């Protein structure tokens, strides 16, 4: 933007920018910002849907089936464990019985051996001793009968311990086979769930990568937004006008002899033509400098490009000032000497004729 109209437009836009709430409201309606935010909203919705789809997949295809599988496996494993535990308990109970009868057998054997020792040590000459010996023999026979009964029970108990151990081992082997199969099934099912999760994450990653690329391609172009804002404000400020030379001799209403009027007009025409020649040389100098800077990068860094533009624009506008003023004066001069008026391509841009009282 350039000129007074551009300046006024920018000034009004910057003034509105100081009002934060209004600025936000209006800036969000500007073209590239609005488009970028619309695309951002769309991408966020897509990202939300992608995460929602992942969550639904994890719940529906992984979490719930995995829990159902674990519950079913626990239900199937419990009777196996209960049966094996009962076998272990029976084995333990039989070992306790075996321990009891083994202890009794040991005690009864010791008792019998003690009786035999006493019987062997007792003298056999007197009747009283013979009577005591008969009692001891009777006690030994009774103890031996009790030992036989205890040993039969101990014999049966040890056999039952082995039978219980074998039953426990057999049940343990069956349980191991069943539980190994269940564990293999669990691993296979878990692998399926892991694959579902991995595939879902891969899909999400691809979507997020695509969304990231699309977001990175969003652009906000301030220049376009400023132009849109200017159109929104509908500013209609006229451009500043070049003030042309308005000499005394131009107006025939000003008292002056024709000879002096023509002389004054001729004098100004020469000055303006000289000014135009100077501007032409200045223009050539600026263009030469610009061309030199483009060819010599090291030198161009010391010359500001915006200054070259400003100087070029200044020469252009000064040239228009001198051309338009010269045209006005030549029109008056030619009319006074009855010569056709010159041609000037920007004649329609004249807005006001100034007259001196």
Protein backbone atom coordinates (compact mmCIF):
# COMPACT_ATOMS: atom_id res chain seq x y z
CA UNK A 1 0.00 0.00 0.00
CA UNK A 2 1.17 3.51 -0.76
CA UNK A 3 -0.16 7.03 -0.75
CA UNK A 4 -2.50 8.79 1.60
CA UNK A 5 -5.30 6.30 0.99
CA UNK A 6 -3.08 3.41 1.97
CA UNK A 7 -1.80 5.34 4.97
CA UNK A 8 -5.32 6.11 6.17
CA UNK A 9 -6.36 2.51 5.67
CA UNK A 10 -3.44 1.21 7.69
CA UNK A 11 -3.97 3.83 10.39
CA UNK A 12 -7.61 2.87 10.84
CA UNK A 13 -6.73 -0.82 10.87
CA UNK A 14 -4.04 -0.29 13.51
CA UNK A 15 -6.41 1.82 15.59
CA UNK A 16 -8.95 -0.97 15.55
CA UNK A 17 -6.17 -3.36 16.54
CA UNK A 18 -5.85 -1.61 19.90
CA UNK A 19 -9.31 -2.80 20.85
CA UNK A 20 -8.39 -6.38 21.65
CA UNK A 21 -11.81 -8.01 21.58
CA UNK A 22 -12.93 -6.29 18.40
CA UNK A 23 -9.58 -6.97 16.78
CA UNK A 24 -9.85 -10.67 17.55
CA UNK A 25 -13.41 -10.76 16.25
CA UNK A 26 -12.53 -8.95 13.02
CA UNK A 27 -9.19 -10.67 12.43
CA UNK A 28 -10.88 -14.05 12.67
CA UNK A 29 -13.08 -12.96 9.76
CA UNK A 30 -10.14 -12.00 7.56
CA UNK A 31 -9.60 -14.22 4.56
CA UNK A 32 -6.44 -16.25 5.14
CA UNK A 33 -6.87 -16.24 8.93
CA UNK A 34 -10.45 -17.48 8.61
CA UNK A 35 -9.40 -20.12 6.11
CA UNK A 36 -6.50 -21.21 8.31
CA UNK A 37 -8.74 -21.46 11.37
CA UNK A 38 -11.39 -23.36 9.43
CA UNK A 39 -8.76 -25.81 8.27
CA UNK A 40 -7.35 -25.99 11.80
CA UNK A 41 -10.80 -26.75 13.19
CA UNK A 42 -11.27 -29.42 10.53
CA UNK A 43 -7.89 -30.98 11.30
CA UNK A 44 -8.60 -30.92 15.04
CA UNK A 45 -11.92 -32.66 14.43
CA UNK A 46 -10.17 -35.26 12.29
CA UNK A 47 -7.54 -35.73 14.98
CA UNK A 48 -10.27 -36.07 17.60
CA UNK A 49 -12.07 -38.64 15.46
CA UNK A 50 -8.82 -40.56 14.99
CA UNK A 51 -8.22 -40.71 18.75
CA UNK A 52 -11.87 -41.59 19.33
CA UNK A 53 -11.62 -44.42 16.80
CA UNK A 54 -8.47 -45.68 18.52
CA UNK A 55 -10.18 -45.54 21.92
CA UNK A 56 -13.23 -47.42 20.61
CA UNK A 57 -10.99 -50.02 18.99
CA UNK A 58 -9.01 -50.54 22.19
CA UNK A 59 -12.18 -50.89 24.26
CA UNK A 60 -14.22 -52.94 21.80
CA UNK A 61 -11.54 -55.12 20.20
CA UNK A 62 -8.93 -55.34 22.97
CA UNK A 63 -10.06 -54.41 26.47
CA UNK A 64 -13.46 -56.15 26.59
CA UNK A 65 -12.38 -59.34 24.73
CA UNK A 66 -9.21 -59.53 26.83
CA UNK A 67 -11.19 -59.25 30.07
CA UNK A 68 -13.72 -61.84 28.89
CA UNK A 69 -10.87 -64.15 27.93
CA UNK A 70 -9.18 -63.69 31.31
CA UNK A 71 -12.47 -64.34 33.16
CA UNK A 72 -13.17 -67.47 31.10
CA UNK A 73 -9.64 -68.75 31.68
CA UNK A 74 -9.92 -68.12 35.41
CA UNK A 75 -13.21 -70.01 35.47
CA UNK A 76 -11.68 -72.95 33.58
CA UNK A 77 -8.53 -72.96 35.71
CA UNK A 78 -10.28 -72.98 39.09
CA UNK A 79 -11.61 -76.59 39.00
CA UNK A 80 -8.19 -77.79 37.87
CA UNK A 81 -6.52 -76.05 40.79
CA UNK A 82 -9.24 -77.20 43.22
CA UNK A 83 -8.83 -80.83 42.13
CA UNK A 84 -5.06 -80.66 42.42
CA UNK A 85 -5.31 -78.98 45.82
CA UNK A 86 -7.57 -81.79 47.04
CA UNK A 87 -4.98 -84.34 45.85
CA UNK A 88 -2.25 -82.49 47.71
CA UNK A 89 -4.41 -82.42 50.82
CA UNK A 90 -5.11 -86.16 50.59
CA UNK A 91 -1.38 -86.83 50.19
CA UNK A 92 -0.60 -84.62 53.18
CA UNK A 93 -3.27 -86.33 55.29
CA UNK A 94 -1.91 -89.76 54.39
CA UNK A 95 1.60 -88.70 55.36
CA UNK A 96 0.28 -87.57 58.74
CA UNK A 97 -1.35 -91.00 59.25
CA UNK A 98 1.87 -92.70 58.15
CA UNK A 99 3.85 -90.58 60.58
CA UNK A 100 1.46 -91.46 63.41
CA UNK A 101 1.66 -95.25 62.91
CA UNK A 102 5.37 -95.17 62.29
CA UNK A 103 5.79 -93.42 65.62
CA UNK A 104 3.59 -95.95 67.38
CA UNK A 105 5.50 -98.79 65.75
CA UNK A 106 8.78 -97.34 66.97
CA UNK A 107 7.46 -96.87 70.51
CA UNK A 108 5.95 -100.35 70.70
CA UNK A 109 9.14 -101.95 69.37
CA UNK A 110 11.20 -100.10 71.97
CA UNK A 111 8.78 -101.25 74.68
CA UNK A 112 9.10 -104.90 73.62
CA UNK A 113 12.87 -104.69 73.45
CA UNK A 114 12.95 -103.23 76.95
CA UNK A 115 10.78 -106.08 78.26
CA UNK A 116 13.06 -108.64 76.65
CA UNK A 117 16.08 -107.00 78.25
CA UNK A 118 14.49 -107.12 81.68
CA UNK A 119 13.45 -110.74 81.16
CA UNK A 120 16.98 -111.72 80.19
CA UNK A 121 18.49 -109.94 83.18
CA UNK A 122 16.07 -111.41 85.79
CA UNK A 123 17.42 -114.44 87.91
CA UNK A 124 15.54 -117.71 87.31
CA UNK A 125 16.17 -119.67 90.60
CA UNK A 126 13.30 -118.53 92.86
CA UNK A 127 9.56 -119.04 92.41
CA UNK A 128 8.83 -115.34 92.72
CA UNK A 129 11.25 -114.62 89.93
CA UNK A 130 9.60 -117.29 87.82
CA UNK A 131 6.25 -115.75 88.48
CA UNK A 132 7.55 -112.29 87.48
CA UNK A 133 9.09 -113.77 84.39
CA UNK A 134 5.77 -115.30 83.41
CA UNK A 135 4.13 -111.89 83.77
CA UNK A 136 6.81 -110.29 81.64
CA UNK A 137 6.40 -112.92 78.96
CA UNK A 138 2.66 -112.30 79.00
CA UNK A 139 3.31 -108.54 78.65
CA UNK A 140 5.71 -109.22 75.79
CA UNK A 141 3.15 -111.33 73.94
CA UNK A 142 0.51 -108.65 74.41
CA UNK A 143 2.91 -105.95 73.22
CA UNK A 144 3.90 -108.04 70.23
CA UNK A 145 0.23 -108.49 69.30
CA UNK A 146 -0.26 -104.75 69.55
CA UNK A 147 2.91 -104.21 67.48
CA UNK A 148 1.60 -106.51 64.77
CA UNK A 149 -1.63 -104.52 64.61
CA UNK A 150 0.30 -101.23 64.55
CA UNK A 151 2.70 -102.46 61.88
CA UNK A 152 -0.21 -103.58 59.69
CA UNK A 153 -1.66 -100.10 60.00
CA UNK A 154 1.78 -98.55 59.37
CA UNK A 155 2.24 -100.84 56.39
CA UNK A 156 -1.12 -99.81 54.95
CA UNK A 157 -0.49 -96.12 55.73
CA UNK A 158 2.85 -96.05 53.87
CA UNK A 159 1.23 -97.77 50.91
CA UNK A 160 -1.59 -95.22 50.95
CA UNK A 161 0.97 -92.41 51.06
CA UNK A 162 2.54 -93.71 47.87
CA UNK A 163 -0.86 -94.16 46.25
CA UNK A 164 -1.78 -90.59 47.24
CA UNK A 165 1.56 -89.33 45.92
CA UNK A 166 1.01 -91.10 42.61
CA UNK A 167 -2.52 -89.72 42.38
CA UNK A 168 -1.15 -86.26 43.13
CA UNK A 169 1.57 -86.59 40.49
CA UNK A 170 -0.91 -87.87 37.96
CA UNK A 171 -3.30 -85.02 38.65
CA UNK A 172 -0.39 -82.59 38.53
CA UNK A 173 0.65 -83.84 35.09
CA UNK A 174 -2.90 -83.51 33.83
CA UNK A 175 -3.14 -80.02 35.32
CA UNK A 176 0.16 -79.00 33.73
CA UNK A 177 -1.01 -80.24 30.32
CA UNK A 178 -4.31 -78.40 30.65
CA UNK A 179 -2.78 -75.20 31.97
CA UNK A 180 0.03 -75.27 29.39
CA UNK A 181 -2.59 -75.47 26.65
CA UNK A 182 -4.51 -72.63 28.29
CA UNK A 183 -1.34 -70.54 28.52
CA UNK A 184 -0.54 -71.15 24.85
CA UNK A 185 -4.06 -70.10 23.96
CA UNK A 186 -3.68 -67.00 26.13
CA UNK A 187 -0.40 -66.06 24.45
CA UNK A 188 -1.92 -66.52 20.99
CA UNK A 189 -4.96 -64.44 21.90
CA UNK A 190 -2.79 -61.79 23.53
CA UNK A 191 -0.69 -61.64 20.39
CA UNK A 192 -3.87 -60.99 18.38
CA UNK A 193 -4.75 -58.16 20.74
CA UNK A 194 -1.23 -56.76 20.46
CA UNK A 195 -1.51 -56.86 16.66
CA UNK A 196 -4.86 -55.06 16.82
CA UNK A 197 -3.29 -52.42 19.06
CA UNK A 198 -0.21 -52.12 16.83
CA UNK A 199 -2.33 -51.78 13.68
CA UNK A 200 -4.54 -49.18 15.36
CA UNK A 201 -1.50 -47.19 16.48
CA UNK A 202 0.00 -47.45 13.00
CA UNK A 203 -3.23 -46.13 11.49
CA UNK A 204 -3.33 -43.32 14.04
CA UNK A 205 0.32 -42.48 13.36
CA UNK A 206 -0.33 -42.29 9.61
CA UNK A 207 -3.36 -40.07 10.17
CA UNK A 208 -1.47 -37.81 12.56
CA UNK A 209 1.46 -37.55 10.14
CA UNK A 210 -0.93 -36.59 7.33
CA UNK A 211 -2.70 -34.07 9.56
CA UNK A 212 0.65 -32.61 10.59
CA UNK A 213 1.64 -32.18 6.94
CA UNK A 214 -1.67 -30.51 6.16
CA UNK A 215 -1.36 -28.22 9.17
CA UNK A 216 2.19 -27.28 8.19
CA UNK A 217 0.86 -26.25 4.77
CA UNK A 218 -1.59 -23.77 6.27
CA UNK A 219 -0.51 -20.20 5.59
CA UNK A 220 -1.62 -16.83 6.85
CA UNK A 221 -0.83 -14.04 4.37
CA UNK A 222 -0.87 -10.72 6.25
CA UNK A 223 -0.87 -8.64 3.07
CA UNK A 224 -4.06 -10.27 1.83
CA UNK A 225 -5.66 -9.90 5.25
CA UNK A 226 -4.79 -6.20 5.39
CA UNK A 227 -6.37 -5.72 1.96
CA UNK A 228 -9.44 -7.64 3.11
CA UNK A 229 -9.61 -5.50 6.23
CA UNK A 230 -9.41 -2.32 4.16
CA UNK A 231 -12.26 -3.57 1.98
CA UNK A 232 -14.17 -4.47 5.14
CA UNK A 233 -13.80 -0.95 6.51
CA UNK A 234 -14.81 0.40 3.07
CA UNK A 235 -12.51 3.38 3.44
CA UNK A 236 -13.01 5.98 0.73
CA UNK A 237 -10.32 8.55 1.42
CA UNK A 238 -9.17 10.50 -1.64
CA UNK A 239 -5.53 10.29 -2.58
CA UNK A 240 -3.41 13.31 -1.73
CA UNK A 241 -3.09 15.65 -4.69
CA UNK A 242 0.04 17.19 -6.15
CA UNK A 243 -0.07 20.92 -5.70
CA UNK A 244 0.84 22.39 -9.09
CA UNK A 245 2.46 25.76 -9.75
CA UNK A 246 -0.19 28.46 -10.04
CA UNK A 247 1.57 31.62 -11.24
CA UNK A 248 0.08 35.08 -11.45
CA UNK A 249 0.35 35.29 -15.24
CA UNK A 250 -1.81 32.18 -15.78
CA UNK A 251 -5.08 33.89 -14.90
CA UNK A 252 -6.32 36.50 -17.36
CA UNK A 253 -8.35 37.95 -14.49
CA UNK A 254 -5.10 39.20 -12.98
CA UNK A 255 -4.18 42.65 -14.29
CA UNK A 256 -1.11 42.37 -16.53
CA UNK A 257 -0.13 43.51 -20.02
CA UNK A 258 -0.01 40.76 -22.60
CA UNK A 259 3.67 41.38 -23.27
CA UNK A 260 4.67 40.95 -19.64
CA UNK A 261 2.24 38.03 -19.28
CA UNK A 262 3.83 36.21 -22.22
CA UNK A 263 7.28 37.00 -20.88
CA UNK A 264 6.38 35.60 -17.43
CA UNK A 265 4.80 32.51 -18.94
CA UNK A 266 7.83 31.93 -21.16
CA UNK A 267 10.15 32.33 -18.18
CA UNK A 268 8.25 29.68 -16.19
CA UNK A 269 8.12 27.35 -19.17
CA UNK A 270 11.92 27.48 -19.45
CA UNK A 271 12.33 26.82 -15.71
CA UNK A 272 9.99 23.85 -15.78
CA UNK A 273 11.64 22.37 -18.87
CA UNK A 274 14.99 22.73 -17.10
CA UNK A 275 13.51 20.97 -14.07
CA UNK A 276 12.32 18.13 -16.31
CA UNK A 277 15.81 17.72 -17.77
CA UNK A 278 17.27 17.54 -14.26
CA UNK A 279 14.71 14.90 -13.24
CA UNK A 280 15.49 12.86 -16.35
CA UNK A 281 19.19 12.86 -15.47
CA UNK A 282 18.36 11.94 -11.87
CA UNK A 283 16.22 9.06 -13.11
CA UNK A 284 19.05 7.81 -15.29
CA UNK A 285 21.41 8.04 -12.31
CA UNK A 286 19.05 6.06 -10.06
CA UNK A 287 18.57 3.36 -12.70
CA UNK A 288 22.32 3.16 -13.20
CA UNK A 289 22.88 2.77 -9.45
CA UNK A 290 20.18 0.12 -9.25
CA UNK A 291 21.76 -1.85 -12.09
CA UNK A 292 25.22 -1.57 -10.52
CA UNK A 293 23.90 -2.85 -7.17
CA UNK A 294 22.34 -5.88 -8.81
CA UNK A 295 25.65 -6.77 -10.43
CA UNK A 296 27.75 -6.10 -7.32
CA UNK A 297 26.23 -7.80 -4.29
CA UNK A 298 28.92 -6.60 -1.86
CA UNK A 299 28.22 -3.00 -2.77
CA UNK A 300 24.45 -3.48 -2.73
CA UNK A 301 24.51 -4.31 0.99
CA UNK A 302 25.54 -0.72 1.75
CA UNK A 303 22.65 0.71 -0.29
CA UNK A 304 19.12 0.28 1.03
CA UNK A 305 16.70 -0.97 -1.60
CA UNK A 306 13.80 0.95 -0.06
CA UNK A 307 15.80 4.18 -0.40
CA UNK A 308 16.31 3.48 -4.11
CA UNK A 309 12.58 2.89 -4.45
CA UNK A 310 11.78 6.10 -2.58
CA UNK A 311 14.16 8.16 -4.73
CA UNK A 312 12.77 6.64 -7.91
CA UNK A 313 9.22 7.37 -6.77
CA UNK A 314 10.18 10.92 -5.79
CA UNK A 315 11.65 11.59 -9.24
CA UNK A 316 8.51 10.21 -10.86
CA UNK A 317 6.21 12.45 -8.83
CA UNK A 318 8.38 15.56 -9.28
CA UNK A 319 8.35 14.88 -13.02
CA UNK A 320 4.55 14.75 -12.94
CA UNK A 321 4.52 18.05 -11.01
CA UNK A 322 6.70 19.77 -13.59
CA UNK A 323 4.90 18.18 -16.57
CA UNK A 324 1.42 19.09 -15.34
CA UNK A 325 2.45 22.63 -14.38
CA UNK A 326 4.19 23.10 -17.73
CA UNK A 327 1.07 21.86 -19.53
CA UNK A 328 -1.13 24.39 -17.72
CA UNK A 329 1.20 27.27 -18.50
CA UNK A 330 1.67 26.19 -22.13
CA UNK A 331 -2.12 26.06 -22.59
CA UNK A 332 -2.41 29.70 -21.51
CA UNK A 333 0.62 30.75 -23.57
CA UNK A 334 -0.60 28.99 -26.74
CA UNK A 335 -4.07 30.46 -26.37
CA UNK A 336 -2.59 33.96 -26.15
CA UNK A 337 -0.54 33.46 -29.32
CA UNK A 338 -3.37 31.59 -31.06
CA UNK A 339 -1.59 28.19 -31.20
CA UNK A 340 -3.21 24.80 -30.60
CA UNK A 341 -2.93 23.55 -27.01
CA UNK A 342 -0.40 20.76 -26.36
CA UNK A 343 -1.40 17.16 -25.53
CA UNK A 344 -1.13 15.89 -21.96
CA UNK A 345 -2.20 12.32 -21.19
CA UNK A 346 -3.13 13.06 -17.56
CA UNK A 347 -5.28 16.08 -18.30
CA UNK A 348 -8.37 14.38 -16.86
CA UNK A 349 -6.68 14.15 -13.45
CA UNK A 350 -6.80 17.91 -12.87
CA UNK A 351 -9.28 18.64 -10.08
CA UNK A 352 -9.19 22.36 -9.22
CA UNK A 353 -8.24 25.59 -10.94
CA UNK A 354 -6.78 28.10 -8.53
CA UNK A 355 -7.22 31.81 -9.18
CA UNK A 356 -5.53 34.68 -7.45
CA UNK A 357 -7.60 37.61 -6.40
